[in-house]
N, C-alpha and C. Protein backbone atom coordinates (compact mmCIF):
# COMPACT_ATOMS: atom_id res chain seq x y z
N UNK A 1 8.16 -25.18 -22.92
CA UNK A 1 7.44 -24.87 -21.71
C UNK A 1 7.89 -23.51 -21.20
N UNK A 2 6.96 -22.68 -20.74
CA UNK A 2 7.28 -21.35 -20.25
C UNK A 2 8.00 -21.45 -18.90
N UNK A 3 8.96 -20.59 -18.74
CA UNK A 3 9.75 -20.57 -17.52
C UNK A 3 9.09 -19.66 -16.49
N UNK A 4 8.94 -20.13 -15.28
CA UNK A 4 8.34 -19.35 -14.20
C UNK A 4 9.44 -18.64 -13.43
N UNK A 5 9.35 -17.33 -13.35
CA UNK A 5 10.38 -16.56 -12.63
C UNK A 5 9.76 -15.89 -11.43
N UNK A 6 10.37 -16.06 -10.30
CA UNK A 6 9.93 -15.45 -9.07
C UNK A 6 10.93 -14.36 -8.71
N UNK A 7 10.41 -13.23 -8.27
CA UNK A 7 11.27 -12.11 -7.90
C UNK A 7 12.07 -12.46 -6.65
N UNK A 8 13.40 -12.59 -6.75
CA UNK A 8 14.19 -12.96 -5.58
C UNK A 8 14.29 -11.83 -4.57
N UNK A 9 14.59 -12.18 -3.35
CA UNK A 9 14.77 -11.19 -2.30
C UNK A 9 16.04 -10.40 -2.54
N UNK A 10 16.13 -9.22 -1.93
CA UNK A 10 17.28 -8.35 -2.14
C UNK A 10 18.58 -9.05 -1.78
N UNK A 11 18.62 -9.69 -0.64
CA UNK A 11 19.88 -10.29 -0.20
C UNK A 11 20.34 -11.41 -1.14
N UNK A 12 19.42 -11.99 -1.89
CA UNK A 12 19.79 -13.04 -2.83
C UNK A 12 20.33 -12.47 -4.14
N UNK A 13 19.99 -11.24 -4.45
CA UNK A 13 20.44 -10.64 -5.69
C UNK A 13 21.79 -9.97 -5.54
N UNK A 14 22.08 -9.55 -4.35
CA UNK A 14 23.38 -9.00 -4.00
C UNK A 14 23.92 -7.89 -4.86
N UNK A 15 25.18 -8.02 -5.26
CA UNK A 15 25.92 -6.91 -5.86
C UNK A 15 25.44 -6.45 -7.23
N UNK A 16 24.65 -7.24 -7.95
CA UNK A 16 24.25 -6.80 -9.27
C UNK A 16 23.24 -5.65 -9.24
N UNK A 17 22.63 -5.41 -8.08
CA UNK A 17 21.70 -4.29 -7.97
C UNK A 17 22.47 -3.00 -7.67
N UNK A 18 22.12 -1.96 -8.34
CA UNK A 18 22.73 -0.69 -8.00
C UNK A 18 21.93 -0.03 -6.88
N UNK A 19 22.40 1.08 -6.39
CA UNK A 19 21.77 1.75 -5.25
C UNK A 19 20.33 2.14 -5.53
N UNK A 20 20.06 2.63 -6.72
CA UNK A 20 18.71 3.07 -7.05
C UNK A 20 17.73 1.89 -7.02
N UNK A 21 18.14 0.78 -7.54
CA UNK A 21 17.27 -0.40 -7.51
C UNK A 21 17.01 -0.86 -6.08
N UNK A 22 18.03 -0.83 -5.26
CA UNK A 22 17.86 -1.22 -3.85
C UNK A 22 16.93 -0.25 -3.13
N UNK A 23 17.12 1.05 -3.37
CA UNK A 23 16.28 2.06 -2.73
C UNK A 23 14.83 1.87 -3.15
N UNK A 24 14.61 1.62 -4.43
CA UNK A 24 13.26 1.43 -4.93
C UNK A 24 12.62 0.17 -4.35
N UNK A 25 13.38 -0.89 -4.26
CA UNK A 25 12.87 -2.14 -3.69
C UNK A 25 12.48 -1.95 -2.22
N UNK A 26 13.31 -1.26 -1.46
CA UNK A 26 13.01 -1.01 -0.06
C UNK A 26 11.80 -0.10 0.10
N UNK A 27 11.70 0.91 -0.76
CA UNK A 27 10.55 1.81 -0.71
C UNK A 27 9.27 1.05 -1.04
N UNK A 28 9.34 0.15 -2.00
CA UNK A 28 8.18 -0.65 -2.36
C UNK A 28 7.75 -1.55 -1.20
N UNK A 29 8.70 -2.15 -0.54
CA UNK A 29 8.38 -3.01 0.61
C UNK A 29 7.75 -2.20 1.74
N UNK A 30 8.26 -0.99 1.96
CA UNK A 30 7.69 -0.13 2.99
C UNK A 30 6.25 0.24 2.63
N UNK A 31 6.02 0.52 1.36
CA UNK A 31 4.67 0.83 0.88
C UNK A 31 3.74 -0.35 1.15
N UNK A 32 4.19 -1.55 0.88
CA UNK A 32 3.39 -2.75 1.13
C UNK A 32 3.08 -2.91 2.61
N UNK A 33 4.10 -2.73 3.46
CA UNK A 33 3.89 -2.88 4.91
C UNK A 33 2.87 -1.87 5.43
N UNK A 34 3.01 -0.62 5.00
CA UNK A 34 2.10 0.41 5.46
C UNK A 34 0.68 0.15 4.95
N UNK A 35 0.58 -0.35 3.74
CA UNK A 35 -0.73 -0.71 3.20
C UNK A 35 -1.36 -1.82 4.03
N UNK A 36 -0.57 -2.81 4.39
CA UNK A 36 -1.08 -3.91 5.22
C UNK A 36 -1.54 -3.40 6.58
N UNK A 37 -0.86 -2.41 7.13
CA UNK A 37 -1.27 -1.83 8.40
C UNK A 37 -2.63 -1.15 8.28
N UNK A 38 -2.85 -0.46 7.17
CA UNK A 38 -4.14 0.20 6.96
C UNK A 38 -5.24 -0.84 6.80
N UNK A 39 -4.95 -1.89 6.07
CA UNK A 39 -5.92 -2.97 5.92
C UNK A 39 -6.28 -3.53 7.29
N UNK A 40 -5.30 -3.72 8.13
CA UNK A 40 -5.55 -4.22 9.48
C UNK A 40 -6.41 -3.24 10.28
N UNK A 41 -6.14 -1.95 10.12
CA UNK A 41 -6.96 -0.93 10.80
C UNK A 41 -8.42 -1.02 10.38
N UNK A 42 -8.64 -1.30 9.11
CA UNK A 42 -10.00 -1.37 8.59
C UNK A 42 -10.69 -2.66 9.03
N UNK A 43 -10.02 -3.78 8.86
CA UNK A 43 -10.65 -5.08 9.03
C UNK A 43 -10.76 -5.51 10.49
N UNK A 44 -9.72 -5.32 11.25
CA UNK A 44 -9.67 -5.95 12.57
C UNK A 44 -9.47 -4.96 13.71
N UNK A 45 -10.12 -3.82 13.64
CA UNK A 45 -9.92 -2.86 14.72
C UNK A 45 -11.11 -1.93 14.87
N UNK A 46 -11.00 -1.07 15.86
CA UNK A 46 -12.05 -0.10 16.14
C UNK A 46 -11.62 1.33 15.80
N UNK A 47 -10.62 1.47 14.94
CA UNK A 47 -10.17 2.81 14.57
C UNK A 47 -11.29 3.58 13.91
N UNK A 48 -11.39 4.86 14.26
CA UNK A 48 -12.39 5.72 13.64
C UNK A 48 -12.04 5.97 12.18
N UNK A 49 -13.05 6.29 11.41
CA UNK A 49 -12.85 6.54 9.97
C UNK A 49 -11.80 7.62 9.74
N UNK A 50 -11.80 8.66 10.54
CA UNK A 50 -10.84 9.76 10.34
C UNK A 50 -9.41 9.28 10.54
N UNK A 51 -9.18 8.38 11.47
CA UNK A 51 -7.84 7.84 11.69
C UNK A 51 -7.38 7.02 10.48
N UNK A 52 -8.29 6.26 9.91
CA UNK A 52 -7.97 5.47 8.72
C UNK A 52 -7.65 6.41 7.56
N UNK A 53 -8.46 7.43 7.39
CA UNK A 53 -8.24 8.39 6.30
C UNK A 53 -6.89 9.10 6.46
N UNK A 54 -6.53 9.46 7.66
CA UNK A 54 -5.23 10.12 7.90
C UNK A 54 -4.10 9.19 7.48
N UNK A 55 -4.19 7.92 7.83
CA UNK A 55 -3.14 6.97 7.44
C UNK A 55 -3.10 6.77 5.93
N UNK A 56 -4.26 6.75 5.29
CA UNK A 56 -4.29 6.63 3.83
C UNK A 56 -3.64 7.85 3.19
N UNK A 57 -3.92 9.04 3.72
CA UNK A 57 -3.29 10.26 3.20
C UNK A 57 -1.76 10.18 3.34
N UNK A 58 -1.30 9.73 4.48
CA UNK A 58 0.15 9.60 4.68
C UNK A 58 0.76 8.61 3.70
N UNK A 59 0.05 7.51 3.48
CA UNK A 59 0.55 6.51 2.54
C UNK A 59 0.58 7.07 1.12
N UNK A 60 -0.45 7.80 0.76
CA UNK A 60 -0.50 8.40 -0.58
C UNK A 60 0.63 9.40 -0.77
N UNK A 61 0.89 10.22 0.25
CA UNK A 61 2.01 11.17 0.18
C UNK A 61 3.34 10.44 0.05
N UNK A 62 3.49 9.37 0.79
CA UNK A 62 4.72 8.57 0.70
C UNK A 62 4.87 7.99 -0.71
N UNK A 63 3.81 7.43 -1.23
CA UNK A 63 3.85 6.84 -2.58
C UNK A 63 4.18 7.90 -3.63
N UNK A 64 3.59 9.07 -3.50
CA UNK A 64 3.86 10.14 -4.46
C UNK A 64 5.31 10.63 -4.38
N UNK A 65 5.88 10.62 -3.18
CA UNK A 65 7.26 11.08 -3.05
C UNK A 65 8.26 10.03 -3.52
N UNK A 66 7.96 8.76 -3.31
CA UNK A 66 8.88 7.69 -3.69
C UNK A 66 8.69 7.22 -5.14
N UNK A 67 7.47 7.29 -5.63
CA UNK A 67 7.15 6.80 -6.97
C UNK A 67 6.31 7.84 -7.72
N UNK A 68 6.86 9.02 -7.98
CA UNK A 68 6.06 10.10 -8.59
C UNK A 68 5.50 9.75 -9.96
N UNK A 69 6.16 8.87 -10.68
CA UNK A 69 5.69 8.51 -12.01
C UNK A 69 4.58 7.47 -11.97
N UNK A 70 4.26 6.94 -10.79
CA UNK A 70 3.28 5.85 -10.67
C UNK A 70 2.08 6.22 -9.78
N UNK A 71 1.69 7.48 -9.73
CA UNK A 71 0.56 7.87 -8.89
C UNK A 71 -0.73 7.19 -9.32
N UNK A 72 -0.86 6.90 -10.60
CA UNK A 72 -2.05 6.21 -11.09
C UNK A 72 -2.17 4.81 -10.50
N UNK A 73 -1.04 4.18 -10.26
CA UNK A 73 -1.03 2.85 -9.68
C UNK A 73 -1.58 2.86 -8.26
N UNK A 74 -1.21 3.87 -7.48
CA UNK A 74 -1.74 3.98 -6.11
C UNK A 74 -3.26 4.07 -6.14
N UNK A 75 -3.76 4.91 -7.02
CA UNK A 75 -5.21 5.08 -7.10
C UNK A 75 -5.91 3.79 -7.52
N UNK A 76 -5.35 3.11 -8.50
CA UNK A 76 -5.99 1.89 -8.99
C UNK A 76 -5.92 0.75 -7.98
N UNK A 77 -4.79 0.57 -7.34
CA UNK A 77 -4.60 -0.58 -6.46
C UNK A 77 -5.03 -0.30 -5.03
N UNK A 78 -4.43 0.69 -4.41
CA UNK A 78 -4.64 0.89 -2.98
C UNK A 78 -5.98 1.56 -2.66
N UNK A 79 -6.32 2.62 -3.35
CA UNK A 79 -7.57 3.32 -3.05
C UNK A 79 -8.77 2.39 -3.22
N UNK A 80 -8.80 1.67 -4.32
CA UNK A 80 -9.94 0.77 -4.54
C UNK A 80 -9.96 -0.35 -3.50
N UNK A 81 -8.80 -0.82 -3.11
CA UNK A 81 -8.72 -1.87 -2.08
C UNK A 81 -9.25 -1.38 -0.74
N UNK A 82 -8.80 -0.20 -0.33
CA UNK A 82 -9.24 0.34 0.97
C UNK A 82 -10.75 0.60 0.97
N UNK A 83 -11.26 1.15 -0.12
CA UNK A 83 -12.70 1.43 -0.19
C UNK A 83 -13.51 0.14 -0.17
N UNK A 84 -13.06 -0.86 -0.91
CA UNK A 84 -13.76 -2.14 -0.95
C UNK A 84 -13.79 -2.79 0.44
N UNK A 85 -12.64 -2.79 1.12
CA UNK A 85 -12.59 -3.40 2.45
C UNK A 85 -13.44 -2.64 3.45
N UNK A 86 -13.43 -1.31 3.36
CA UNK A 86 -14.25 -0.51 4.27
C UNK A 86 -15.73 -0.86 4.05
N UNK A 87 -16.14 -0.91 2.80
CA UNK A 87 -17.53 -1.25 2.49
C UNK A 87 -17.88 -2.64 3.01
N UNK A 88 -16.98 -3.56 2.84
CA UNK A 88 -17.24 -4.95 3.23
C UNK A 88 -17.27 -5.14 4.74
N UNK A 89 -16.35 -4.49 5.46
CA UNK A 89 -16.21 -4.78 6.89
C UNK A 89 -16.74 -3.71 7.83
N UNK A 90 -16.81 -2.46 7.38
CA UNK A 90 -17.13 -1.39 8.33
C UNK A 90 -18.34 -0.54 7.98
N UNK A 91 -18.71 -0.46 6.73
CA UNK A 91 -19.74 0.48 6.32
C UNK A 91 -21.07 0.28 7.04
N UNK A 92 -21.52 -0.94 7.25
CA UNK A 92 -22.82 -1.09 7.91
C UNK A 92 -22.91 -0.39 9.27
N UNK A 93 -21.85 -0.44 10.06
CA UNK A 93 -21.93 0.19 11.38
C UNK A 93 -21.27 1.57 11.43
N UNK A 94 -20.30 1.85 10.55
CA UNK A 94 -19.55 3.10 10.64
C UNK A 94 -19.83 4.09 9.52
N UNK A 95 -20.65 3.73 8.56
CA UNK A 95 -20.95 4.63 7.45
C UNK A 95 -19.87 4.60 6.39
N UNK A 96 -20.01 5.47 5.42
CA UNK A 96 -19.10 5.54 4.28
C UNK A 96 -17.76 6.14 4.72
N UNK A 97 -16.69 5.60 4.15
CA UNK A 97 -15.34 6.12 4.41
C UNK A 97 -15.21 7.49 3.76
N UNK A 98 -14.82 8.52 4.54
CA UNK A 98 -14.68 9.87 3.95
C UNK A 98 -13.57 9.89 2.87
N UNK A 99 -13.68 10.81 1.95
CA UNK A 99 -12.67 10.97 0.91
C UNK A 99 -11.39 11.49 1.52
N UNK A 100 -10.30 11.14 0.88
CA UNK A 100 -9.01 11.63 1.34
C UNK A 100 -8.40 12.44 0.25
């Protein structure tokens, strides 16, 4: 039977992580939190399109600075997610989300 492994939290992994792994894990969590904030701006608020685009630009800059080797991942995951949500929840009344 295949073993199911769940990624443990940082505090549970403790001393076996080196500083770089901890820094990367924290940066990833920050990226997730900021992404969730943008999703909230799109889905459940009255923020103007330009405000959403500014936050997406900031998130993209953060991702590029923290994970320079994974810029393709940002485009595949986050950009498509934000565009899809904008189309689903905001496009009828607010128009197309401007490019960032």
